Amino acid sequence: MDLSVVASVLGVGWIVVEYAVKIIAVGVVPEDRRPSSSSA
């Protein structure tokens, strides 16, 4: 396995994890707050 292949896999994996964290944060955080306190 080449070092560039490992680096690209880690890069893609990090992007996927980052998007997953953002989606979970958007999906979970508003449920804990009142609609009146949320900002657009």
C-alpha atoms as a PDB file:
ATOM      1  CA  MET A   1       0.000   0.000   0.000  1.00  0.00           C
ATOM      2  CA  ASP A   2       1.373   3.368  -1.033  1.00  0.00           C
ATOM      3  CA  LEU A   3       1.731   6.269   1.361  1.00  0.00           C
ATOM      4  CA  SER A   4      -0.353   8.475  -0.948  1.00  0.00           C
ATOM      5  CA  VAL A   5      -3.152   5.892  -0.894  1.00  0.00           C
ATOM      6  CA  VAL A   6      -3.112   5.822   2.896  1.00  0.00           C
ATOM      7  CA  ALA A   7      -3.116   9.622   3.041  1.00  0.00           C
ATOM      8  CA  SER A   8      -6.048   9.909   0.621  1.00  0.00           C
ATOM      9  CA  VAL A   9      -8.062   7.272   2.502  1.00  0.00           C
ATOM     10  CA  LEU A  10      -7.430   9.061   5.796  1.00  0.00           C
ATOM     11  CA  GLY A  11      -8.376  12.392   4.197  1.00  0.00           C
ATOM     12  CA  VAL A  12     -11.645  11.062   2.814  1.00  0.00           C
ATOM     13  CA  GLY A  13     -12.389   9.300   6.098  1.00  0.00           C
ATOM     14  CA  TRP A  14     -11.807  12.525   8.039  1.00  0.00           C
ATOM     15  CA  ILE A  15     -14.174  14.442   5.705  1.00  0.00           C
ATOM     16  CA  VAL A  16     -16.856  11.764   6.163  1.00  0.00           C
ATOM     17  CA  VAL A  17     -16.468  11.866   9.949  1.00  0.00           C
ATOM     18  CA  GLU A  18     -16.625  15.666   9.957  1.00  0.00           C
ATOM     19  CA  TYR A  19     -19.826  15.686   7.885  1.00  0.00           C
ATOM     20  CA  ALA A  20     -21.347  13.004  10.130  1.00  0.00           C
ATOM     21  CA  VAL A  21     -20.578  15.090  13.230  1.00  0.00           C
ATOM     22  CA  LYS A  22     -22.189  18.164  11.623  1.00  0.00           C
ATOM     23  CA  ILE A  23     -25.307  16.195  10.605  1.00  0.00           C
ATOM     24  CA  ILE A  24     -25.616  14.693  14.088  1.00  0.00           C
ATOM     25  CA  ALA A  25     -25.125  18.121  15.688  1.00  0.00           C
ATOM     26  CA  VAL A  26     -27.801  19.677  13.455  1.00  0.00           C
ATOM     27  CA  GLY A  27     -30.154  16.769  14.135  1.00  0.00           C
ATOM     28  CA  VAL A  28     -29.637  16.468  17.895  1.00  0.00           C
ATOM     29  CA  VAL A  29     -29.007  19.988  19.211  1.00  0.00           C
ATOM     30  CA  PRO A  30     -32.322  21.607  18.078  1.00  0.00           C
ATOM     31  CA  GLU A  31     -34.279  18.885  19.892  1.00  0.00           C
ATOM     32  CA  ASP A  32     -32.783  20.013  23.199  1.00  0.00           C
ATOM     33  CA  ARG A  33     -33.696  23.671  22.644  1.00  0.00           C
ATOM     34  CA  ARG A  34     -36.988  25.525  22.463  1.00  0.00           C
ATOM     35  CA  PRO A  35     -37.894  26.699  18.938  1.00  0.00           C
ATOM     36  CA  SER A  36     -38.024  30.318  20.165  1.00  0.00           C
ATOM     37  CA  SER A  37     -34.376  30.228  21.276  1.00  0.00           C
ATOM     38  CA  SER A  38     -32.995  28.840  18.016  1.00  0.00           C
ATOM     39  CA  SER A  39     -31.408  31.241  15.540  1.00  0.00           C
ATOM     40  CA  ALA A  40     -31.584  30.891  11.767  1.00  0.00           C
END
